[in-house]
Every structure is written in C-alpha cells, then in structure tokens.
Amino acid sequence: MLRQEKGLIIKLDMENAFDRVSHPYLMAVLQKLGFSREIVKVIQACISIPRITPLINGRPSDFFQTTRGLRQGCPLSPFLYIIMAETLRRALENQRKERNITRIRIEKGVKTINHSFFADETLLLGVVSTIITRRFKKVLDDFLQVSGGLSNNTKSRIYGWNTPPRTMQRISQILDILVQEKWTHFFYLGLPISKENMKT
C-alpha cells in the first residue's frame, strides 16, 4: 500500500535491455567500478566477438561469429546490465541528495525512495510535479543517450493518485508516456503495488 497522500510512479519498460547496451560505455563503467583490466578484457571478448554454433536437426553446425550480444539465457547478460544501470541509480541518488528530486513513502516503517530497479524492471517515484518530472526525464535521457538504451514508452505507464487529471496530462506530455487512469493496483516483480489496503 502507498502511504504518500499523493504521488507519482513512472513504470518504465526498457526495450531489449542488454542487446542495446553500448559496449564502450559498459567497459568504461566496469573500469570505473574497479574491475581489473584482465576481467574487463574477458567480458569484452564474451560480448563483442562471441562465436556460436546452432543445432540443426539436433546436431551442431559449424561455428560462426555474431556481431554482438550473448547467447540466449546467458546469466552474464542481466548481471552486466545491472552493473551498467548502477550509473542511473547513482545519478538519481545524487539528485535526491541535492534535493532536486524528492522521494515518496511506499509503506510505513520503510524509508522513502525515488527509484527501484531490478534488472530491467524500473520504477521512478516522486511527488506530483512537472518540475520533478522534467528532472526525472533529464536524468533518464542522459542515461539512455550514453548507454545506448531505449525506453519503450508504449509499454511504460504513469500512475498517480489524489492528483488533478490536468496535472497528470501535463506530466504525460513531458514524458511521452500514457497515464493509467482509474487504477487500483499494478504489478512490479510479480507483486501488486496498491493505492489502498488490498482485501486479498
């Protein structure tokens, strides 16, 4: 249940999260976070020049080199995306510390937050304000530009409560994301986020 009297949640859908990652940017982030040069070279080899062999009628064919990416289901893919997304987390945290982007309270006894990440599941949270919305957009746009990422705005949604519809429409225009009207709850990581106490 959301304890804030009124607030704003932006649920982002990151399109093909890892496939779109800028490799030079990812390598720079790994080095900045203190990964050794040897580890960075190994990771770069894994994601930049992978060789695969598909199964044809149950038998492996000849190897060929792909242009980028990892094999489907490789656990390295979400792990590296999480590391790269750490730069977005830090940018949002810096904005919070400078009090440019405010936070909201999700539940009693839980500290206030302005974002939540899990792999490519992203929530941005704040008070209802066009100024705050523009600051969220600036941080997000900067991250997407340098990282090579892309937000799928058609699948993303804005959730607000106790807010005039006109204000929500202005926020929707700033972000180019639709407002979810007349909502009671939505799902994040398979769990319902609700405006009110849920009966079940």
N, C-alpha and C. Protein backbone atom coordinates (compact mmCIF):
# COMPACT_ATOMS: atom_id res chain seq x y z
N MET A 1 0.84 -1.20 0.00
CA MET A 1 0.00 0.00 0.00
C MET A 1 0.88 1.25 0.00
N LEU A 2 0.48 2.26 -0.77
CA LEU A 2 1.22 3.50 -0.85
C LEU A 2 0.77 4.43 0.27
N ARG A 3 1.71 4.89 1.09
CA ARG A 3 1.38 5.70 2.25
C ARG A 3 1.39 7.19 1.95
N GLN A 4 1.99 7.60 0.82
CA GLN A 4 2.04 9.01 0.47
C GLN A 4 0.64 9.51 0.14
N GLU A 5 0.29 10.73 0.63
CA GLU A 5 -1.04 11.27 0.36
C GLU A 5 -1.28 11.44 -1.13
N LYS A 6 -0.27 11.88 -1.83
CA LYS A 6 -0.34 11.94 -3.29
C LYS A 6 1.06 11.74 -3.84
N GLY A 7 1.14 11.19 -5.02
CA GLY A 7 2.46 10.91 -5.56
C GLY A 7 2.39 10.46 -7.01
N LEU A 8 3.56 10.10 -7.51
CA LEU A 8 3.72 9.76 -8.91
C LEU A 8 4.66 8.57 -9.03
N ILE A 9 4.25 7.59 -9.83
CA ILE A 9 5.12 6.45 -10.13
C ILE A 9 5.19 6.29 -11.64
N ILE A 10 6.42 6.22 -12.15
CA ILE A 10 6.65 6.00 -13.57
C ILE A 10 7.23 4.60 -13.72
N LYS A 11 6.47 3.72 -14.34
CA LYS A 11 6.94 2.35 -14.57
C LYS A 11 7.49 2.26 -15.98
N LEU A 12 8.79 2.03 -16.08
CA LEU A 12 9.46 2.03 -17.38
C LEU A 12 9.63 0.63 -17.93
N ASP A 13 9.48 0.51 -19.22
CA ASP A 13 9.78 -0.73 -19.92
C ASP A 13 11.01 -0.47 -20.78
N MET A 14 12.15 -1.08 -20.42
CA MET A 14 13.39 -0.88 -21.16
C MET A 14 13.44 -1.88 -22.31
N GLU A 15 13.52 -1.37 -23.52
CA GLU A 15 13.41 -2.20 -24.72
C GLU A 15 14.70 -2.97 -24.98
N ASN A 16 14.60 -4.31 -25.04
CA ASN A 16 15.76 -5.17 -25.31
C ASN A 16 16.97 -4.71 -24.49
N ALA A 17 16.79 -4.68 -23.19
CA ALA A 17 17.71 -4.01 -22.29
C ALA A 17 19.19 -4.24 -22.60
N PHE A 18 19.64 -5.50 -22.59
CA PHE A 18 21.08 -5.71 -22.75
C PHE A 18 21.53 -5.65 -24.20
N ASP A 19 20.66 -6.04 -25.13
CA ASP A 19 21.05 -6.04 -26.54
C ASP A 19 21.43 -4.66 -27.04
N ARG A 20 20.91 -3.62 -26.40
CA ARG A 20 21.14 -2.26 -26.86
C ARG A 20 22.30 -1.57 -26.14
N VAL A 21 22.91 -2.24 -25.19
CA VAL A 21 23.95 -1.60 -24.38
C VAL A 21 25.14 -1.20 -25.24
N SER A 22 25.63 0.02 -25.01
CA SER A 22 26.86 0.48 -25.66
C SER A 22 28.05 -0.23 -25.01
N HIS A 23 28.77 -1.02 -25.78
CA HIS A 23 29.90 -1.77 -25.23
C HIS A 23 31.01 -0.88 -24.69
N PRO A 24 31.40 0.19 -25.40
CA PRO A 24 32.42 1.09 -24.82
C PRO A 24 31.98 1.69 -23.49
N TYR A 25 30.70 2.05 -23.39
CA TYR A 25 30.20 2.61 -22.15
C TYR A 25 30.24 1.58 -21.03
N LEU A 26 29.84 0.35 -21.35
CA LEU A 26 29.87 -0.71 -20.34
C LEU A 26 31.28 -0.98 -19.87
N MET A 27 32.25 -1.01 -20.79
CA MET A 27 33.64 -1.24 -20.41
C MET A 27 34.15 -0.11 -19.50
N ALA A 28 33.76 1.12 -19.83
CA ALA A 28 34.16 2.26 -19.01
C ALA A 28 33.57 2.17 -17.60
N VAL A 29 32.31 1.72 -17.51
CA VAL A 29 31.67 1.57 -16.20
C VAL A 29 32.37 0.49 -15.38
N LEU A 30 32.69 -0.63 -16.01
CA LEU A 30 33.38 -1.71 -15.30
C LEU A 30 34.72 -1.24 -14.75
N GLN A 31 35.47 -0.50 -15.55
CA GLN A 31 36.76 0.02 -15.09
C GLN A 31 36.58 1.01 -13.96
N LYS A 32 35.55 1.87 -14.08
CA LYS A 32 35.29 2.88 -13.04
C LYS A 32 34.90 2.22 -11.72
N LEU A 33 34.22 1.09 -11.80
CA LEU A 33 33.80 0.38 -10.59
C LEU A 33 34.92 -0.48 -10.00
N GLY A 34 36.08 -0.51 -10.64
CA GLY A 34 37.22 -1.19 -10.05
C GLY A 34 37.49 -2.60 -10.54
N PHE A 35 36.81 -3.05 -11.59
CA PHE A 35 37.11 -4.36 -12.14
C PHE A 35 38.50 -4.33 -12.78
N SER A 36 39.24 -5.41 -12.63
CA SER A 36 40.60 -5.46 -13.15
C SER A 36 40.58 -5.42 -14.68
N ARG A 37 41.71 -5.00 -15.25
CA ARG A 37 41.82 -4.91 -16.69
C ARG A 37 41.64 -6.28 -17.34
N GLU A 38 42.12 -7.32 -16.68
CA GLU A 38 42.01 -8.67 -17.23
C GLU A 38 40.56 -9.11 -17.30
N ILE A 39 39.81 -8.86 -16.22
CA ILE A 39 38.39 -9.24 -16.21
C ILE A 39 37.62 -8.47 -17.27
N VAL A 40 37.93 -7.18 -17.40
CA VAL A 40 37.24 -6.36 -18.40
C VAL A 40 37.49 -6.90 -19.81
N LYS A 41 38.74 -7.33 -20.08
CA LYS A 41 39.07 -7.89 -21.39
C LYS A 41 38.30 -9.19 -21.66
N VAL A 42 38.18 -10.03 -20.63
CA VAL A 42 37.44 -11.28 -20.79
C VAL A 42 35.97 -11.00 -21.09
N ILE A 43 35.38 -10.07 -20.34
CA ILE A 43 33.97 -9.72 -20.55
C ILE A 43 33.78 -9.12 -21.94
N GLN A 44 34.71 -8.27 -22.35
CA GLN A 44 34.62 -7.67 -23.67
C GLN A 44 34.67 -8.73 -24.77
N ALA A 45 35.53 -9.73 -24.58
CA ALA A 45 35.60 -10.81 -25.56
C ALA A 45 34.30 -11.60 -25.61
N CYS A 46 33.69 -11.80 -24.45
CA CYS A 46 32.44 -12.57 -24.38
C CYS A 46 31.29 -11.88 -25.10
N ILE A 47 31.24 -10.55 -24.99
CA ILE A 47 30.07 -9.83 -25.52
C ILE A 47 30.32 -9.21 -26.89
N SER A 48 31.58 -9.05 -27.28
CA SER A 48 31.86 -8.34 -28.53
C SER A 48 32.16 -9.27 -29.70
N ILE A 49 32.80 -10.41 -29.43
CA ILE A 49 33.17 -11.31 -30.52
C ILE A 49 32.76 -12.76 -30.20
N PRO A 50 31.51 -12.98 -29.79
CA PRO A 50 31.10 -14.34 -29.47
C PRO A 50 30.99 -15.22 -30.71
N ARG A 51 31.34 -16.50 -30.56
CA ARG A 51 31.18 -17.49 -31.63
C ARG A 51 30.16 -18.52 -31.17
N ILE A 52 29.19 -18.81 -32.01
CA ILE A 52 28.14 -19.74 -31.63
C ILE A 52 27.99 -20.81 -32.70
N THR A 53 27.40 -21.92 -32.29
CA THR A 53 27.08 -22.99 -33.24
C THR A 53 25.66 -23.46 -32.97
N PRO A 54 24.73 -23.16 -33.87
CA PRO A 54 23.34 -23.57 -33.67
C PRO A 54 23.16 -25.07 -33.92
N LEU A 55 22.12 -25.62 -33.29
CA LEU A 55 21.77 -27.03 -33.53
C LEU A 55 20.82 -27.13 -34.71
N ILE A 56 21.16 -27.96 -35.67
CA ILE A 56 20.31 -28.21 -36.84
C ILE A 56 19.95 -29.68 -36.84
N ASN A 57 18.65 -29.96 -36.69
CA ASN A 57 18.17 -31.35 -36.57
C ASN A 57 18.88 -32.10 -35.44
N GLY A 58 19.13 -31.35 -34.34
CA GLY A 58 19.75 -31.96 -33.16
C GLY A 58 21.25 -32.09 -33.21
N ARG A 59 21.87 -31.63 -34.32
CA ARG A 59 23.32 -31.73 -34.42
C ARG A 59 23.93 -30.33 -34.57
N PRO A 60 25.08 -30.10 -33.91
CA PRO A 60 25.70 -28.77 -34.02
C PRO A 60 26.25 -28.52 -35.41
N SER A 61 26.03 -27.30 -35.89
CA SER A 61 26.58 -26.90 -37.20
C SER A 61 27.95 -26.27 -36.98
N ASP A 62 28.49 -25.69 -38.04
CA ASP A 62 29.78 -25.02 -37.93
C ASP A 62 29.64 -23.74 -37.09
N PHE A 63 30.75 -23.35 -36.44
CA PHE A 63 30.77 -22.11 -35.67
C PHE A 63 30.69 -20.91 -36.62
N PHE A 64 30.03 -19.86 -36.16
CA PHE A 64 30.11 -18.58 -36.87
C PHE A 64 30.09 -17.46 -35.85
N GLN A 65 30.61 -16.32 -36.25
CA GLN A 65 30.74 -15.19 -35.32
C GLN A 65 29.55 -14.26 -35.44
N THR A 66 29.00 -13.86 -34.29
CA THR A 66 27.90 -12.91 -34.28
C THR A 66 28.46 -11.50 -34.16
N THR A 67 27.60 -10.53 -34.42
CA THR A 67 28.07 -9.14 -34.38
C THR A 67 28.15 -8.60 -32.96
N ARG A 68 27.25 -9.05 -32.09
CA ARG A 68 27.26 -8.58 -30.70
C ARG A 68 26.32 -9.45 -29.89
N GLY A 69 26.36 -9.27 -28.56
CA GLY A 69 25.42 -9.94 -27.68
C GLY A 69 25.95 -11.24 -27.11
N LEU A 70 25.11 -11.87 -26.30
CA LEU A 70 25.42 -13.14 -25.65
C LEU A 70 24.40 -14.17 -26.09
N ARG A 71 24.72 -15.43 -25.84
CA ARG A 71 23.75 -16.45 -26.20
C ARG A 71 22.52 -16.32 -25.30
N GLN A 72 21.38 -16.72 -25.82
CA GLN A 72 20.12 -16.59 -25.09
C GLN A 72 20.18 -17.37 -23.77
N GLY A 73 19.77 -16.71 -22.69
CA GLY A 73 19.76 -17.35 -21.38
C GLY A 73 21.06 -17.24 -20.62
N CYS A 74 22.07 -16.61 -21.20
CA CYS A 74 23.36 -16.47 -20.51
C CYS A 74 23.19 -15.58 -19.28
N PRO A 75 23.59 -16.06 -18.08
CA PRO A 75 23.41 -15.25 -16.86
C PRO A 75 24.28 -14.01 -16.83
N LEU A 76 25.28 -13.93 -17.70
CA LEU A 76 26.13 -12.74 -17.73
C LEU A 76 25.37 -11.52 -18.22
N SER A 77 24.36 -11.74 -19.07
CA SER A 77 23.62 -10.62 -19.67
C SER A 77 22.92 -9.74 -18.62
N PRO A 78 22.02 -10.29 -17.79
CA PRO A 78 21.37 -9.42 -16.79
C PRO A 78 22.34 -8.89 -15.75
N PHE A 79 23.38 -9.66 -15.44
CA PHE A 79 24.37 -9.22 -14.46
C PHE A 79 25.09 -7.95 -14.94
N LEU A 80 25.49 -7.95 -16.20
CA LEU A 80 26.18 -6.79 -16.75
C LEU A 80 25.23 -5.60 -16.89
N TYR A 81 23.97 -5.88 -17.21
CA TYR A 81 23.01 -4.78 -17.33
C TYR A 81 22.79 -4.12 -15.97
N ILE A 82 22.74 -4.92 -14.92
CA ILE A 82 22.58 -4.37 -13.57
C ILE A 82 23.75 -3.47 -13.22
N ILE A 83 24.96 -3.92 -13.56
CA ILE A 83 26.15 -3.11 -13.29
C ILE A 83 26.07 -1.79 -14.04
N MET A 84 25.67 -1.85 -15.31
CA MET A 84 25.57 -0.62 -16.10
C MET A 84 24.48 0.30 -15.55
N ALA A 85 23.35 -0.28 -15.14
CA ALA A 85 22.25 0.52 -14.61
C ALA A 85 22.61 1.18 -13.28
N GLU A 86 23.70 0.73 -12.66
CA GLU A 86 24.17 1.36 -11.43
C GLU A 86 24.47 2.84 -11.66
N THR A 87 24.87 3.19 -12.88
CA THR A 87 25.14 4.60 -13.16
C THR A 87 23.87 5.43 -13.10
N LEU A 88 22.75 4.85 -13.55
CA LEU A 88 21.47 5.55 -13.45
C LEU A 88 21.06 5.68 -11.99
N ARG A 89 21.26 4.62 -11.21
CA ARG A 89 20.93 4.67 -9.79
C ARG A 89 21.71 5.78 -9.09
N ARG A 90 23.00 5.87 -9.40
CA ARG A 90 23.83 6.89 -8.75
C ARG A 90 23.41 8.30 -9.16
N ALA A 91 23.03 8.46 -10.42
CA ALA A 91 22.57 9.77 -10.88
C ALA A 91 21.29 10.18 -10.15
N LEU A 92 20.37 9.23 -9.99
CA LEU A 92 19.13 9.53 -9.26
C LEU A 92 19.40 9.80 -7.79
N GLU A 93 20.34 9.06 -7.21
CA GLU A 93 20.68 9.27 -5.80
C GLU A 93 21.32 10.64 -5.60
N ASN A 94 22.16 11.05 -6.54
CA ASN A 94 22.76 12.39 -6.44
C ASN A 94 21.70 13.47 -6.53
N GLN A 95 20.71 13.28 -7.39
CA GLN A 95 19.61 14.23 -7.48
C GLN A 95 18.81 14.28 -6.19
N ARG A 96 18.68 13.12 -5.53
CA ARG A 96 17.97 13.09 -4.25
C ARG A 96 18.75 13.85 -3.19
N LYS A 97 20.06 13.62 -3.14
CA LYS A 97 20.89 14.28 -2.13
C LYS A 97 20.90 15.80 -2.32
N GLU A 98 20.84 16.23 -3.58
CA GLU A 98 20.80 17.66 -3.86
C GLU A 98 19.38 18.22 -3.76
N ARG A 99 18.44 17.35 -3.42
CA ARG A 99 17.03 17.71 -3.25
C ARG A 99 16.40 18.26 -4.52
N ASN A 100 16.89 17.81 -5.65
CA ASN A 100 16.28 18.17 -6.93
C ASN A 100 15.12 17.25 -7.26
N ILE A 101 15.22 15.99 -6.82
CA ILE A 101 14.14 15.02 -7.00
C ILE A 101 13.75 14.50 -5.63
N THR A 102 12.49 14.67 -5.27
CA THR A 102 12.02 14.24 -3.96
C THR A 102 11.69 12.76 -3.97
N ARG A 103 11.33 12.25 -2.80
CA ARG A 103 11.04 10.82 -2.63
C ARG A 103 9.62 10.64 -2.13
N ILE A 104 9.14 9.39 -2.16
CA ILE A 104 7.84 9.08 -1.58
C ILE A 104 7.98 7.87 -0.67
N ARG A 105 6.99 7.72 0.22
CA ARG A 105 6.99 6.60 1.14
C ARG A 105 6.06 5.52 0.62
N ILE A 106 6.61 4.33 0.43
CA ILE A 106 5.82 3.21 -0.06
C ILE A 106 5.00 2.58 1.06
N GLU A 107 5.59 2.42 2.22
CA GLU A 107 4.93 1.73 3.32
C GLU A 107 5.44 2.26 4.64
N LYS A 108 4.62 2.22 5.64
CA LYS A 108 5.01 2.68 6.97
C LYS A 108 6.21 1.88 7.48
N GLY A 109 7.19 2.59 7.99
CA GLY A 109 8.37 1.93 8.52
C GLY A 109 9.45 1.67 7.48
N VAL A 110 9.15 2.01 6.21
CA VAL A 110 10.12 1.82 5.13
C VAL A 110 10.62 3.19 4.71
N LYS A 111 11.94 3.33 4.49
CA LYS A 111 12.49 4.64 4.14
C LYS A 111 11.94 5.11 2.79
N THR A 112 11.90 6.40 2.63
CA THR A 112 11.41 6.98 1.38
C THR A 112 12.41 6.72 0.26
N ILE A 113 11.91 6.57 -0.96
CA ILE A 113 12.76 6.26 -2.11
C ILE A 113 12.30 7.06 -3.32
N ASN A 114 13.21 7.21 -4.32
CA ASN A 114 12.81 7.86 -5.56
C ASN A 114 12.99 6.95 -6.77
N HIS A 115 13.44 5.71 -6.54
CA HIS A 115 13.56 4.77 -7.64
C HIS A 115 13.65 3.34 -7.10
N SER A 116 13.37 2.39 -7.97
CA SER A 116 13.54 0.98 -7.64
C SER A 116 13.92 0.26 -8.92
N PHE A 117 15.03 -0.51 -8.87
CA PHE A 117 15.50 -1.26 -10.02
C PHE A 117 15.58 -2.74 -9.67
N PHE A 118 15.25 -3.57 -10.64
CA PHE A 118 15.58 -5.00 -10.57
C PHE A 118 15.76 -5.46 -12.00
N ALA A 119 17.02 -5.68 -12.40
CA ALA A 119 17.35 -5.96 -13.81
C ALA A 119 16.76 -4.84 -14.65
N ASP A 120 15.86 -5.17 -15.61
CA ASP A 120 15.30 -4.11 -16.45
C ASP A 120 13.93 -3.64 -15.97
N GLU A 121 13.52 -4.05 -14.77
CA GLU A 121 12.27 -3.57 -14.17
C GLU A 121 12.58 -2.29 -13.42
N THR A 122 12.02 -1.16 -13.88
CA THR A 122 12.40 0.14 -13.36
C THR A 122 11.18 0.94 -12.92
N LEU A 123 11.25 1.49 -11.70
CA LEU A 123 10.25 2.42 -11.21
C LEU A 123 10.93 3.72 -10.82
N LEU A 124 10.35 4.85 -11.22
CA LEU A 124 10.78 6.16 -10.76
C LEU A 124 9.64 6.72 -9.92
N LEU A 125 9.95 7.21 -8.71
CA LEU A 125 8.92 7.62 -7.76
C LEU A 125 9.20 9.02 -7.24
N GLY A 126 8.16 9.85 -7.16
CA GLY A 126 8.34 11.20 -6.64
C GLY A 126 7.01 11.87 -6.38
N VAL A 127 7.09 13.10 -5.93
CA VAL A 127 5.87 13.86 -5.72
C VAL A 127 5.33 14.31 -7.08
N VAL A 128 4.07 14.64 -7.13
CA VAL A 128 3.45 15.07 -8.38
C VAL A 128 3.87 16.50 -8.67
N SER A 129 4.70 16.66 -9.68
CA SER A 129 5.22 17.98 -10.03
C SER A 129 5.78 17.92 -11.44
N THR A 130 5.45 18.91 -12.26
CA THR A 130 6.01 18.96 -13.60
C THR A 130 7.51 19.24 -13.55
N ILE A 131 7.94 19.99 -12.54
CA ILE A 131 9.38 20.28 -12.38
C ILE A 131 10.13 19.00 -12.06
N ILE A 132 9.62 18.22 -11.10
CA ILE A 132 10.25 16.95 -10.73
C ILE A 132 10.25 16.01 -11.93
N THR A 133 9.15 16.00 -12.69
CA THR A 133 9.05 15.13 -13.86
C THR A 133 10.12 15.48 -14.89
N ARG A 134 10.33 16.76 -15.14
CA ARG A 134 11.37 17.17 -16.09
C ARG A 134 12.76 16.76 -15.61
N ARG A 135 12.98 16.80 -14.31
CA ARG A 135 14.29 16.38 -13.77
C ARG A 135 14.48 14.87 -13.91
N PHE A 136 13.41 14.11 -13.66
CA PHE A 136 13.47 12.67 -13.92
C PHE A 136 13.82 12.41 -15.39
N LYS A 137 13.14 13.12 -16.28
CA LYS A 137 13.34 12.92 -17.71
C LYS A 137 14.77 13.27 -18.12
N LYS A 138 15.33 14.33 -17.55
CA LYS A 138 16.70 14.73 -17.89
C LYS A 138 17.69 13.63 -17.49
N VAL A 139 17.56 13.10 -16.28
CA VAL A 139 18.46 12.05 -15.81
C VAL A 139 18.31 10.81 -16.69
N LEU A 140 17.05 10.43 -16.98
CA LEU A 140 16.80 9.24 -17.79
C LEU A 140 17.32 9.42 -19.22
N ASP A 141 17.06 10.57 -19.82
CA ASP A 141 17.51 10.82 -21.19
C ASP A 141 19.03 10.78 -21.29
N ASP A 142 19.72 11.36 -20.30
CA ASP A 142 21.19 11.34 -20.30
C ASP A 142 21.71 9.91 -20.22
N PHE A 143 21.08 9.11 -19.36
CA PHE A 143 21.50 7.70 -19.22
C PHE A 143 21.28 6.93 -20.52
N LEU A 144 20.11 7.08 -21.11
CA LEU A 144 19.80 6.35 -22.34
C LEU A 144 20.73 6.76 -23.48
N GLN A 145 21.08 8.03 -23.53
CA GLN A 145 21.94 8.51 -24.60
C GLN A 145 23.35 7.91 -24.51
N VAL A 146 23.93 7.90 -23.31
CA VAL A 146 25.31 7.42 -23.19
C VAL A 146 25.38 5.89 -23.16
N SER A 147 24.31 5.24 -22.70
CA SER A 147 24.34 3.78 -22.55
C SER A 147 23.86 3.04 -23.79
N GLY A 148 23.17 3.76 -24.69
CA GLY A 148 22.61 3.10 -25.86
C GLY A 148 21.25 2.48 -25.60
N GLY A 149 20.70 2.70 -24.42
CA GLY A 149 19.41 2.12 -24.07
C GLY A 149 18.25 2.82 -24.73
N LEU A 150 17.08 2.21 -24.62
CA LEU A 150 15.87 2.78 -25.19
C LEU A 150 14.68 2.40 -24.32
N SER A 151 13.92 3.39 -23.94
CA SER A 151 12.70 3.14 -23.18
C SER A 151 11.53 2.93 -24.13
N ASN A 152 10.80 1.83 -23.93
CA ASN A 152 9.62 1.55 -24.75
C ASN A 152 8.43 2.29 -24.13
N ASN A 153 8.20 3.51 -24.61
CA ASN A 153 7.17 4.35 -24.00
C ASN A 153 5.76 3.82 -24.20
N THR A 154 5.54 3.01 -25.24
CA THR A 154 4.19 2.49 -25.46
C THR A 154 3.82 1.46 -24.39
N LYS A 155 4.81 0.79 -23.80
CA LYS A 155 4.55 -0.19 -22.75
C LYS A 155 4.76 0.39 -21.35
N SER A 156 5.38 1.55 -21.27
CA SER A 156 5.58 2.21 -19.98
C SER A 156 4.28 2.88 -19.55
N ARG A 157 4.14 3.13 -18.25
CA ARG A 157 2.92 3.75 -17.74
C ARG A 157 3.23 4.71 -16.58
N ILE A 158 2.35 5.69 -16.42
CA ILE A 158 2.43 6.64 -15.31
C ILE A 158 1.25 6.39 -14.39
N TYR A 159 1.54 6.27 -13.10
CA TYR A 159 0.49 6.07 -12.08
C TYR A 159 0.55 7.23 -11.11
N GLY A 160 -0.58 7.85 -10.89
CA GLY A 160 -0.67 8.93 -9.92
C GLY A 160 -1.91 8.77 -9.07
N TRP A 161 -1.94 9.45 -7.94
CA TRP A 161 -3.12 9.38 -7.09
C TRP A 161 -3.32 10.71 -6.37
N ASN A 162 -4.60 11.00 -6.12
CA ASN A 162 -5.01 12.26 -5.48
C ASN A 162 -4.45 13.46 -6.23
N THR A 163 -4.48 13.39 -7.55
CA THR A 163 -3.90 14.43 -8.39
C THR A 163 -4.89 14.81 -9.48
N PRO A 164 -5.06 16.12 -9.77
CA PRO A 164 -5.98 16.54 -10.83
C PRO A 164 -5.59 15.93 -12.18
N PRO A 165 -6.57 15.50 -12.97
CA PRO A 165 -6.28 14.91 -14.28
C PRO A 165 -5.46 15.82 -15.19
N ARG A 166 -5.70 17.14 -15.10
CA ARG A 166 -4.96 18.07 -15.95
C ARG A 166 -3.46 18.01 -15.65
N THR A 167 -3.10 17.91 -14.37
CA THR A 167 -1.68 17.81 -13.99
C THR A 167 -1.08 16.53 -14.53
N MET A 168 -1.83 15.42 -14.41
CA MET A 168 -1.33 14.15 -14.91
C MET A 168 -1.13 14.19 -16.42
N GLN A 169 -2.00 14.90 -17.14
CA GLN A 169 -1.85 15.00 -18.59
C GLN A 169 -0.61 15.82 -18.97
N ARG A 170 -0.31 16.85 -18.19
CA ARG A 170 0.90 17.62 -18.45
C ARG A 170 2.14 16.75 -18.24
N ILE A 171 2.11 15.94 -17.18
CA ILE A 171 3.22 15.02 -16.91
C ILE A 171 3.35 14.00 -18.03
N SER A 172 2.21 13.51 -18.51
CA SER A 172 2.22 12.55 -19.61
C SER A 172 2.85 13.16 -20.86
N GLN A 173 2.56 14.42 -21.15
CA GLN A 173 3.11 15.09 -22.32
C GLN A 173 4.62 15.28 -22.19
N ILE A 174 5.09 15.59 -20.99
CA ILE A 174 6.53 15.77 -20.76
C ILE A 174 7.29 14.48 -21.04
N LEU A 175 6.75 13.36 -20.54
CA LEU A 175 7.44 12.07 -20.65
C LEU A 175 7.10 11.31 -21.92
N ASP A 176 6.03 11.71 -22.61
CA ASP A 176 5.52 10.97 -23.77
C ASP A 176 5.16 9.54 -23.37
N ILE A 177 4.56 9.40 -22.18
CA ILE A 177 4.12 8.11 -21.65
C ILE A 177 2.67 8.26 -21.21
N LEU A 178 1.86 7.26 -21.48
CA LEU A 178 0.44 7.32 -21.13
C LEU A 178 0.22 7.23 -19.63
N VAL A 179 -0.80 7.92 -19.15
CA VAL A 179 -1.24 7.83 -17.76
C VAL A 179 -2.23 6.68 -17.63
N GLN A 180 -2.05 5.85 -16.62
CA GLN A 180 -3.01 4.78 -16.34
C GLN A 180 -4.10 5.36 -15.45
N GLU A 181 -5.27 5.56 -16.01
CA GLU A 181 -6.37 6.17 -15.26
C GLU A 181 -7.18 5.10 -14.53
N LYS A 182 -7.82 5.50 -13.44
CA LYS A 182 -8.72 4.64 -12.66
C LYS A 182 -8.06 3.30 -12.30
N TRP A 183 -6.89 3.37 -11.73
CA TRP A 183 -6.20 2.15 -11.35
C TRP A 183 -6.31 1.92 -9.85
N THR A 184 -6.29 0.67 -9.45
CA THR A 184 -6.28 0.32 -8.03
C THR A 184 -4.94 -0.27 -7.63
N HIS A 185 -4.31 -0.99 -8.57
CA HIS A 185 -3.00 -1.58 -8.31
C HIS A 185 -2.34 -1.94 -9.64
N PHE A 186 -1.03 -2.14 -9.59
CA PHE A 186 -0.30 -2.68 -10.74
C PHE A 186 0.75 -3.63 -10.19
N PHE A 187 1.34 -4.42 -11.08
CA PHE A 187 2.30 -5.43 -10.64
C PHE A 187 3.72 -5.01 -10.94
N TYR A 188 4.58 -5.21 -9.95
CA TYR A 188 6.01 -4.95 -10.08
C TYR A 188 6.74 -6.14 -9.49
N LEU A 189 7.55 -6.80 -10.31
CA LEU A 189 8.25 -8.02 -9.90
C LEU A 189 7.26 -9.09 -9.45
N GLY A 190 6.08 -9.09 -10.06
CA GLY A 190 5.07 -10.09 -9.74
C GLY A 190 4.25 -9.79 -8.50
N LEU A 191 4.51 -8.66 -7.85
CA LEU A 191 3.79 -8.29 -6.63
C LEU A 191 2.93 -7.06 -6.89
N PRO A 192 1.74 -6.99 -6.28
CA PRO A 192 0.87 -5.85 -6.51
C PRO A 192 1.29 -4.62 -5.70
N ILE A 193 1.36 -3.47 -6.37
CA ILE A 193 1.55 -2.18 -5.72
C ILE A 193 0.18 -1.51 -5.72
N SER A 194 -0.34 -1.22 -4.53
CA SER A 194 -1.73 -0.78 -4.40
C SER A 194 -1.81 0.60 -3.76
N LYS A 195 -2.86 1.37 -4.18
CA LYS A 195 -3.12 2.66 -3.55
C LYS A 195 -3.75 2.50 -2.17
N GLU A 196 -4.49 1.40 -1.98
CA GLU A 196 -5.24 1.19 -0.76
C GLU A 196 -4.97 -0.22 -0.22
N ASN A 197 -5.41 -0.50 0.99
CA ASN A 197 -5.27 -1.84 1.54
C ASN A 197 -6.01 -2.83 0.67
N MET A 198 -5.33 -3.89 0.28
CA MET A 198 -5.97 -4.90 -0.55
C MET A 198 -6.70 -5.93 0.32
N LYS A 199 -7.87 -6.34 -0.13
CA LYS A 199 -8.68 -7.28 0.67
C LYS A 199 -8.14 -8.69 0.58
N THR A 200 -7.44 -9.02 -0.51
CA THR A 200 -6.88 -10.35 -0.67
C THR A 200 -5.43 -10.24 -1.04
